[in-house]
Every structure is written in structure tokens, then in C-alpha cells.
Amino acid sequence: MESSLLRVKEAAQVLKVSTWTIYRWIDEGQLQATKIGRGSLRIFRDSVDRLVEANRTQRWETFDRRPRRVVPLDSVRLGKR
């Protein structure tokens, strides 16, 4: 299967970081990219997906879905619970 390519700005939007961060991550080897033509840079989408997966802190399957007790802010200020 052929990997799709993202422009630097598109990768930045997907990862919610600046374009400079994308360039830095490419230099550090955290993202894989290729040059097209005379210097147009494209990032491999699967490297973006791997970066996200490697830095995920909590998986949805393990997310605690127990209901939480809501304490009104006024009660907290008055020391009532």
C-alpha cells in the first residue's frame, strides 16, 4: 500500500503544532519526509500516525468512564462537600 504524503502545513495542522516544529521533527528523525521536485517537502502520513501513536498517553479502551461526583463551586469555597 502506498503511503499518502502531506505538505508541511497539513502535517502541522494534523499534529496541532507549528510548521517549524514539523521541520525540527524531520531533522530529529521523528517524522519521515521526502523532497519532491526542487525542494518541495512532503511528510509521509504513516510517520505522522506512528508519531501520534508513540506519544499517546492514554488509550481510549482504558479510559475511566465511571461517573464523577460534581461539586458546585460555592460548596468548595464554603468548605461543604
PDB file of N, CA and C in Angstrom:
ATOM      1  N   MET A   1       0.840  -1.188   0.000  1.00  0.00           N
ATOM      2  CA  MET A   1       0.000   0.000   0.000  1.00  0.00           C
ATOM      3  C   MET A   1       0.882   1.248   0.000  1.00  0.00           C
ATOM      4  N   GLU A   2       0.561   2.186  -0.845  1.00  0.00           N
ATOM      5  CA  GLU A   2       1.341   3.399  -0.970  1.00  0.00           C
ATOM      6  C   GLU A   2       0.956   4.393   0.121  1.00  0.00           C
ATOM      7  N   SER A   3       1.963   4.988   0.723  1.00  0.00           N
ATOM      8  CA  SER A   3       1.715   5.945   1.799  1.00  0.00           C
ATOM      9  C   SER A   3       1.336   7.296   1.209  1.00  0.00           C
ATOM     10  N   SER A   4       0.350   7.943   1.807  1.00  0.00           N
ATOM     11  CA  SER A   4      -0.011   9.274   1.338  1.00  0.00           C
ATOM     12  C   SER A   4       0.981  10.292   1.880  1.00  0.00           C
ATOM     13  N   LEU A   5       1.089  11.384   1.176  1.00  0.00           N
ATOM     14  CA  LEU A   5       2.035  12.434   1.533  1.00  0.00           C
ATOM     15  C   LEU A   5       1.286  13.686   1.965  1.00  0.00           C
ATOM     16  N   LEU A   6       1.827  14.358   2.956  1.00  0.00           N
ATOM     17  CA  LEU A   6       1.238  15.611   3.453  1.00  0.00           C
ATOM     18  C   LEU A   6       2.218  16.756   3.228  1.00  0.00           C
ATOM     19  N   ARG A   7       1.698  17.902   2.939  1.00  0.00           N
ATOM     20  CA  ARG A   7       2.533  19.115   2.905  1.00  0.00           C
ATOM     21  C   ARG A   7       2.894  19.463   4.346  1.00  0.00           C
ATOM     22  N   VAL A   8       3.915  20.265   4.529  1.00  0.00           N
ATOM     23  CA  VAL A   8       4.368  20.643   5.872  1.00  0.00           C
ATOM     24  C   VAL A   8       3.226  21.302   6.642  1.00  0.00           C
ATOM     25  N   LYS A   9       2.520  22.210   6.004  1.00  0.00           N
ATOM     26  CA  LYS A   9       1.422  22.907   6.675  1.00  0.00           C
ATOM     27  C   LYS A   9       0.298  21.942   7.065  1.00  0.00           C
ATOM     28  N   GLU A  10       0.010  20.965   6.207  1.00  0.00           N
ATOM     29  CA  GLU A  10      -1.028  19.983   6.512  1.00  0.00           C
ATOM     30  C   GLU A  10      -0.629  19.119   7.718  1.00  0.00           C
ATOM     31  N   ALA A  11       0.629  18.691   7.743  1.00  0.00           N
ATOM     32  CA  ALA A  11       1.113  17.888   8.874  1.00  0.00           C
ATOM     33  C   ALA A  11       1.039  18.702  10.163  1.00  0.00           C
ATOM     34  N   ALA A  12       1.384  19.980  10.080  1.00  0.00           N
ATOM     35  CA  ALA A  12       1.326  20.853  11.254  1.00  0.00           C
ATOM     36  C   ALA A  12      -0.109  20.978  11.765  1.00  0.00           C
ATOM     37  N   GLN A  13      -1.058  21.060  10.847  1.00  0.00           N
ATOM     38  CA  GLN A  13      -2.460  21.162  11.251  1.00  0.00           C
ATOM     39  C   GLN A  13      -2.942  19.864  11.885  1.00  0.00           C
ATOM     40  N   VAL A  14      -2.550  18.738  11.321  1.00  0.00           N
ATOM     41  CA  VAL A  14      -2.950  17.439  11.877  1.00  0.00           C
ATOM     42  C   VAL A  14      -2.405  17.265  13.289  1.00  0.00           C
ATOM     43  N   LEU A  15      -1.132  17.646  13.485  1.00  0.00           N
ATOM     44  CA  LEU A  15      -0.476  17.462  14.781  1.00  0.00           C
ATOM     45  C   LEU A  15      -0.673  18.632  15.737  1.00  0.00           C
ATOM     46  N   LYS A  16      -1.295  19.705  15.231  1.00  0.00           N
ATOM     47  CA  LYS A  16      -1.557  20.908  16.041  1.00  0.00           C
ATOM     48  C   LYS A  16      -0.264  21.501  16.607  1.00  0.00           C
ATOM     49  N   VAL A  17       0.721  21.656  15.713  1.00  0.00           N
ATOM     50  CA  VAL A  17       1.994  22.280  16.055  1.00  0.00           C
ATOM     51  C   VAL A  17       2.342  23.266  14.954  1.00  0.00           C
ATOM     52  N   SER A  18       3.425  24.011  15.142  1.00  0.00           N
ATOM     53  CA  SER A  18       3.851  24.964  14.122  1.00  0.00           C
ATOM     54  C   SER A  18       4.596  24.246  12.996  1.00  0.00           C
ATOM     55  N   THR A  19       4.719  24.926  11.862  1.00  0.00           N
ATOM     56  CA  THR A  19       5.487  24.351  10.751  1.00  0.00           C
ATOM     57  C   THR A  19       6.956  24.198  11.140  1.00  0.00           C
ATOM     58  N   TRP A  20       7.455  25.094  11.995  1.00  0.00           N
ATOM     59  CA  TRP A  20       8.846  24.986  12.449  1.00  0.00           C
ATOM     60  C   TRP A  20       9.061  23.715  13.265  1.00  0.00           C
ATOM     61  N   THR A  21       8.060  23.336  14.042  1.00  0.00           N
ATOM     62  CA  THR A  21       8.155  22.092  14.808  1.00  0.00           C
ATOM     63  C   THR A  21       8.222  20.892  13.857  1.00  0.00           C
ATOM     64  N   ILE A  22       7.454  20.939  12.777  1.00  0.00           N
ATOM     65  CA  ILE A  22       7.490  19.863  11.781  1.00  0.00           C
ATOM     66  C   ILE A  22       8.901  19.739  11.202  1.00  0.00           C
ATOM     67  N   TYR A  23       9.503  20.866  10.810  1.00  0.00           N
ATOM     68  CA  TYR A  23      10.871  20.839  10.267  1.00  0.00           C
ATOM     69  C   TYR A  23      11.856  20.280  11.303  1.00  0.00           C
ATOM     70  N   ARG A  24      11.694  20.678  12.558  1.00  0.00           N
ATOM     71  CA  ARG A  24      12.585  20.197  13.617  1.00  0.00           C
ATOM     72  C   ARG A  24      12.441  18.695  13.803  1.00  0.00           C
ATOM     73  N   TRP A  25      11.180  18.214  13.831  1.00  0.00           N
ATOM     74  CA  TRP A  25      10.944  16.784  13.999  1.00  0.00           C
ATOM     75  C   TRP A  25      11.503  15.983  12.825  1.00  0.00           C
ATOM     76  N   ILE A  26      11.467  16.550  11.631  1.00  0.00           N
ATOM     77  CA  ILE A  26      12.076  15.886  10.473  1.00  0.00           C
ATOM     78  C   ILE A  26      13.591  15.798  10.680  1.00  0.00           C
ATOM     79  N   ASP A  27      14.196  16.913  11.093  1.00  0.00           N
ATOM     80  CA  ASP A  27      15.647  16.928  11.348  1.00  0.00           C
ATOM     81  C   ASP A  27      16.035  15.935  12.449  1.00  0.00           C
ATOM     82  N   GLU A  28      15.196  15.793  13.464  1.00  0.00           N
ATOM     83  CA  GLU A  28      15.467  14.883  14.583  1.00  0.00           C
ATOM     84  C   GLU A  28      15.143  13.430  14.247  1.00  0.00           C
ATOM     85  N   GLY A  29      14.497  13.192  13.107  1.00  0.00           N
ATOM     86  CA  GLY A  29      14.156  11.837  12.714  1.00  0.00           C
ATOM     87  C   GLY A  29      12.837  11.338  13.267  1.00  0.00           C
ATOM     88  N   GLN A  30      12.065  12.216  13.895  1.00  0.00           N
ATOM     89  CA  GLN A  30      10.769  11.802  14.442  1.00  0.00           C
ATOM     90  C   GLN A  30       9.703  11.688  13.359  1.00  0.00           C
ATOM     91  N   LEU A  31       9.882  12.428  12.272  1.00  0.00           N
ATOM     92  CA  LEU A  31       8.992  12.336  11.109  1.00  0.00           C
ATOM     93  C   LEU A  31       9.839  12.013   9.884  1.00  0.00           C
ATOM     94  N   GLN A  32       9.250  11.257   8.968  1.00  0.00           N
ATOM     95  CA  GLN A  32       9.941  10.920   7.730  1.00  0.00           C
ATOM     96  C   GLN A  32       9.345  11.727   6.595  1.00  0.00           C
ATOM     97  N   ALA A  33      10.233  12.292   5.776  1.00  0.00           N
ATOM     98  CA  ALA A  33       9.784  13.145   4.688  1.00  0.00           C
ATOM     99  C   ALA A  33      10.634  12.894   3.449  1.00  0.00           C
ATOM    100  N   THR A  34      10.162  13.426   2.342  1.00  0.00           N
ATOM    101  CA  THR A  34      10.895  13.327   1.089  1.00  0.00           C
ATOM    102  C   THR A  34      10.771  14.645   0.339  1.00  0.00           C
ATOM    103  N   LYS A  35      11.777  14.937  -0.474  1.00  0.00           N
ATOM    104  CA  LYS A  35      11.714  16.137  -1.300  1.00  0.00           C
ATOM    105  C   LYS A  35      11.147  15.764  -2.661  1.00  0.00           C
ATOM    106  N   ILE A  36      10.288  16.615  -3.158  1.00  0.00           N
ATOM    107  CA  ILE A  36       9.683  16.434  -4.473  1.00  0.00           C
ATOM    108  C   ILE A  36      10.079  17.632  -5.325  1.00  0.00           C
ATOM    109  N   GLY A  37      10.600  17.374  -6.478  1.00  0.00           N
ATOM    110  CA  GLY A  37      10.998  18.469  -7.365  1.00  0.00           C
ATOM    111  C   GLY A  37      12.171  19.242  -6.804  1.00  0.00           C
ATOM    112  N   ARG A  38      12.088  20.548  -6.878  1.00  0.00           N
ATOM    113  CA  ARG A  38      13.193  21.409  -6.460  1.00  0.00           C
ATOM    114  C   ARG A  38      13.059  21.854  -5.012  1.00  0.00           C
ATOM    115  N   GLY A  39      12.894  20.925  -4.122  1.00  0.00           N
ATOM    116  CA  GLY A  39      12.900  21.262  -2.708  1.00  0.00           C
ATOM    117  C   GLY A  39      11.560  21.278  -2.022  1.00  0.00           C
ATOM    118  N   SER A  40      10.488  20.927  -2.733  1.00  0.00           N
ATOM    119  CA  SER A  40       9.177  20.850  -2.099  1.00  0.00           C
ATOM    120  C   SER A  40       9.156  19.626  -1.195  1.00  0.00           C
ATOM    121  N   LEU A  41       8.881  19.837   0.077  1.00  0.00           N
ATOM    122  CA  LEU A  41       8.977  18.776   1.071  1.00  0.00           C
ATOM    123  C   LEU A  41       7.603  18.175   1.348  1.00  0.00           C
ATOM    124  N   ARG A  42       7.553  16.844   1.438  1.00  0.00           N
ATOM    125  CA  ARG A  42       6.316  16.140   1.796  1.00  0.00           C
ATOM    126  C   ARG A  42       6.613  15.179   2.927  1.00  0.00           C
ATOM    127  N   ILE A  43       5.666  15.087   3.850  1.00  0.00           N
ATOM    128  CA  ILE A  43       5.810  14.209   5.018  1.00  0.00           C
ATOM    129  C   ILE A  43       4.953  12.978   4.782  1.00  0.00           C
ATOM    130  N   PHE A  44       5.509  11.796   5.100  1.00  0.00           N
ATOM    131  CA  PHE A  44       4.753  10.557   4.963  1.00  0.00           C
ATOM    132  C   PHE A  44       3.694  10.490   6.054  1.00  0.00           C
ATOM    133  N   ARG A  45       2.453  10.281   5.637  1.00  0.00           N
ATOM    134  CA  ARG A  45       1.332  10.235   6.577  1.00  0.00           C
ATOM    135  C   ARG A  45       1.515   9.128   7.621  1.00  0.00           C
ATOM    136  N   ASP A  46       2.067   7.987   7.211  1.00  0.00           N
ATOM    137  CA  ASP A  46       2.235   6.906   8.178  1.00  0.00           C
ATOM    138  C   ASP A  46       3.250   7.264   9.264  1.00  0.00           C
ATOM    139  N   SER A  47       4.220   8.152   8.962  1.00  0.00           N
ATOM    140  CA  SER A  47       5.153   8.586  10.007  1.00  0.00           C
ATOM    141  C   SER A  47       4.452   9.524  10.992  1.00  0.00           C
ATOM    142  N   VAL A  48       3.491  10.300  10.512  1.00  0.00           N
ATOM    143  CA  VAL A  48       2.683  11.148  11.393  1.00  0.00           C
ATOM    144  C   VAL A  48       1.849  10.258  12.317  1.00  0.00           C
ATOM    145  N   ASP A  49       1.233   9.233  11.742  1.00  0.00           N
ATOM    146  CA  ASP A  49       0.417   8.305  12.541  1.00  0.00           C
ATOM    147  C   ASP A  49       1.267   7.589  13.593  1.00  0.00           C
ATOM    148  N   ARG A  50       2.475   7.167  13.222  1.00  0.00           N
ATOM    149  CA  ARG A  50       3.358   6.493  14.181  1.00  0.00           C
ATOM    150  C   ARG A  50       3.771   7.433  15.305  1.00  0.00           C
ATOM    151  N   LEU A  51       4.033   8.697  14.980  1.00  0.00           N
ATOM    152  CA  LEU A  51       4.409   9.676  15.995  1.00  0.00           C
ATOM    153  C   LEU A  51       3.271   9.874  16.995  1.00  0.00           C
ATOM    154  N   VAL A  52       2.065   9.980  16.494  1.00  0.00           N
ATOM    155  CA  VAL A  52       0.899  10.141  17.364  1.00  0.00           C
ATOM    156  C   VAL A  52       0.748   8.924  18.267  1.00  0.00           C
ATOM    157  N   GLU A  53       0.828   7.745  17.680  1.00  0.00           N
ATOM    158  CA  GLU A  53       0.652   6.507  18.445  1.00  0.00           C
ATOM    159  C   GLU A  53       1.738   6.340  19.510  1.00  0.00           C
ATOM    160  N   ALA A  54       2.969   6.678  19.162  1.00  0.00           N
ATOM    161  CA  ALA A  54       4.089   6.527  20.098  1.00  0.00           C
ATOM    162  C   ALA A  54       3.982   7.489  21.278  1.00  0.00           C
ATOM    163  N   ASN A  55       3.280   8.605  21.097  1.00  0.00           N
ATOM    164  CA  ASN A  55       3.194   9.609  22.151  1.00  0.00           C
ATOM    165  C   ASN A  55       1.831   9.679  22.809  1.00  0.00           C
ATOM    166  N   ARG A  56       0.990   8.724  22.511  1.00  0.00           N
ATOM    167  CA  ARG A  56      -0.334   8.671  23.124  1.00  0.00           C
ATOM    168  C   ARG A  56      -0.167   8.353  24.605  1.00  0.00           C
ATOM    169  N   THR A  57      -0.824   9.097  25.465  1.00  0.00           N
ATOM    170  CA  THR A  57      -0.665   8.899  26.906  1.00  0.00           C
ATOM    171  C   THR A  57      -1.725   7.979  27.480  1.00  0.00           C
ATOM    172  N   GLN A  58      -2.889   7.952  26.872  1.00  0.00           N
ATOM    173  CA  GLN A  58      -3.961   7.122  27.412  1.00  0.00           C
ATOM    174  C   GLN A  58      -4.786   6.576  26.260  1.00  0.00           C
ATOM    175  N   ARG A  59      -4.948   5.301  26.217  1.00  0.00           N
ATOM    176  CA  ARG A  59      -5.743   4.662  25.165  1.00  0.00           C
ATOM    177  C   ARG A  59      -7.223   4.756  25.523  1.00  0.00           C
ATOM    178  N   TRP A  60      -8.058   4.883  24.528  1.00  0.00           N
ATOM    179  CA  TRP A  60      -9.485   5.022  24.741  1.00  0.00           C
ATOM    180  C   TRP A  60     -10.053   3.810  25.468  1.00  0.00           C
ATOM    181  N   GLU A  61      -9.531   2.611  25.166  1.00  0.00           N
ATOM    182  CA  GLU A  61     -10.059   1.407  25.787  1.00  0.00           C
ATOM    183  C   GLU A  61      -9.873   1.423  27.298  1.00  0.00           C
ATOM    184  N   THR A  62      -8.834   2.083  27.792  1.00  0.00           N
ATOM    185  CA  THR A  62      -8.558   2.088  29.223  1.00  0.00           C
ATOM    186  C   THR A  62      -9.092   3.345  29.907  1.00  0.00           C
ATOM    187  N   PHE A  63      -9.791   4.168  29.170  1.00  0.00           N
ATOM    188  CA  PHE A  63     -10.325   5.405  29.719  1.00  0.00           C
ATOM    189  C   PHE A  63     -11.361   5.095  30.791  1.00  0.00           C
ATOM    190  N   ASP A  64     -11.219   5.727  31.917  1.00  0.00           N
ATOM    191  CA  ASP A  64     -12.122   5.501  33.042  1.00  0.00           C
ATOM    192  C   ASP A  64     -13.440   6.219  32.775  1.00  0.00           C
ATOM    193  N   ARG A  65     -14.499   5.458  32.568  1.00  0.00           N
ATOM    194  CA  ARG A  65     -15.794   6.043  32.235  1.00  0.00           C
ATOM    195  C   ARG A  65     -16.743   6.121  33.431  1.00  0.00           C
ATOM    196  N   ARG A  66     -16.224   5.888  34.638  1.00  0.00           N
ATOM    197  CA  ARG A  66     -17.096   5.966  35.811  1.00  0.00           C
ATOM    198  C   ARG A  66     -17.603   7.396  35.991  1.00  0.00           C
ATOM    199  N   PRO A  67     -18.869   7.521  36.389  1.00  0.00           N
ATOM    200  CA  PRO A  67     -19.406   8.872  36.595  1.00  0.00           C
ATOM    201  C   PRO A  67     -18.681   9.589  37.744  1.00  0.00           C
ATOM    202  N   ARG A  68     -18.507  10.842  37.602  1.00  0.00           N
ATOM    203  CA  ARG A  68     -17.835  11.667  38.607  1.00  0.00           C
ATOM    204  C   ARG A  68     -18.867  12.445  39.408  1.00  0.00           C
ATOM    205  N   ARG A  69     -18.563  12.653  40.662  1.00  0.00           N
ATOM    206  CA  ARG A  69     -19.427  13.466  41.510  1.00  0.00           C
ATOM    207  C   ARG A  69     -19.117  14.929  41.234  1.00  0.00           C
ATOM    208  N   VAL A  70     -20.121  15.694  40.902  1.00  0.00           N
ATOM    209  CA  VAL A  70     -19.949  17.110  40.617  1.00  0.00           C
ATOM    210  C   VAL A  70     -20.200  17.888  41.897  1.00  0.00           C
ATOM    211  N   VAL A  71     -19.221  18.698  42.282  1.00  0.00           N
ATOM    212  CA  VAL A  71     -19.336  19.512  43.484  1.00  0.00           C
ATOM    213  C   VAL A  71     -19.463  20.964  43.038  1.00  0.00           C
ATOM    214  N   PRO A  72     -20.579  21.637  43.385  1.00  0.00           N
ATOM    215  CA  PRO A  72     -20.731  23.037  42.995  1.00  0.00           C
ATOM    216  C   PRO A  72     -19.594  23.892  43.565  1.00  0.00           C
ATOM    217  N   LEU A  73     -19.178  24.866  42.812  1.00  0.00           N
ATOM    218  CA  LEU A  73     -18.062  25.719  43.201  1.00  0.00           C
ATOM    219  C   LEU A  73     -18.330  26.426  44.529  1.00  0.00           C
ATOM    220  N   ASP A  74     -19.551  26.858  44.771  1.00  0.00           N
ATOM    221  CA  ASP A  74     -19.874  27.524  46.027  1.00  0.00           C
ATOM    222  C   ASP A  74     -19.651  26.612  47.234  1.00  0.00           C
ATOM    223  N   SER A  75     -19.953  25.331  47.084  1.00  0.00           N
ATOM    224  CA  SER A  75     -19.747  24.373  48.171  1.00  0.00           C
ATOM    225  C   SER A  75     -18.268  24.207  48.497  1.00  0.00           C
ATOM    226  N   VAL A  76     -17.439  24.240  47.479  1.00  0.00           N
ATOM    227  CA  VAL A  76     -16.000  24.101  47.684  1.00  0.00           C
ATOM    228  C   VAL A  76     -15.470  25.313  48.445  1.00  0.00           C
ATOM    229  N   ARG A  77     -15.942  26.486  48.082  1.00  0.00           N
ATOM    230  CA  ARG A  77     -15.483  27.726  48.743  1.00  0.00           C
ATOM    231  C   ARG A  77     -15.906  27.756  50.212  1.00  0.00           C
ATOM    232  N   LEU A  78     -17.078  27.216  50.505  1.00  0.00           N
ATOM    233  CA  LEU A  78     -17.590  27.258  51.872  1.00  0.00           C
ATOM    234  C   LEU A  78     -17.145  26.068  52.695  1.00  0.00           C
ATOM    235  N   GLY A  79     -16.395  25.179  52.088  1.00  0.00           N
ATOM    236  CA  GLY A  79     -15.889  24.015  52.802  1.00  0.00           C
ATOM    237  C   GLY A  79     -16.915  22.902  52.934  1.00  0.00           C
ATOM    238  N   LYS A  80     -18.022  22.992  52.229  1.00  0.00           N
ATOM    239  CA  LYS A  80     -19.050  21.958  52.272  1.00  0.00           C
ATOM    240  C   LYS A  80     -18.787  20.958  51.165  1.00  0.00           C
ATOM    241  N   ARG A  81     -18.983  19.702  51.446  1.00  0.00           N
ATOM    242  CA  ARG A  81     -18.863  18.669  50.427  1.00  0.00           C
ATOM    243  C   ARG A  81     -19.889  17.667  50.731  1.00  0.00           C
TER     244      ARG A  81
END
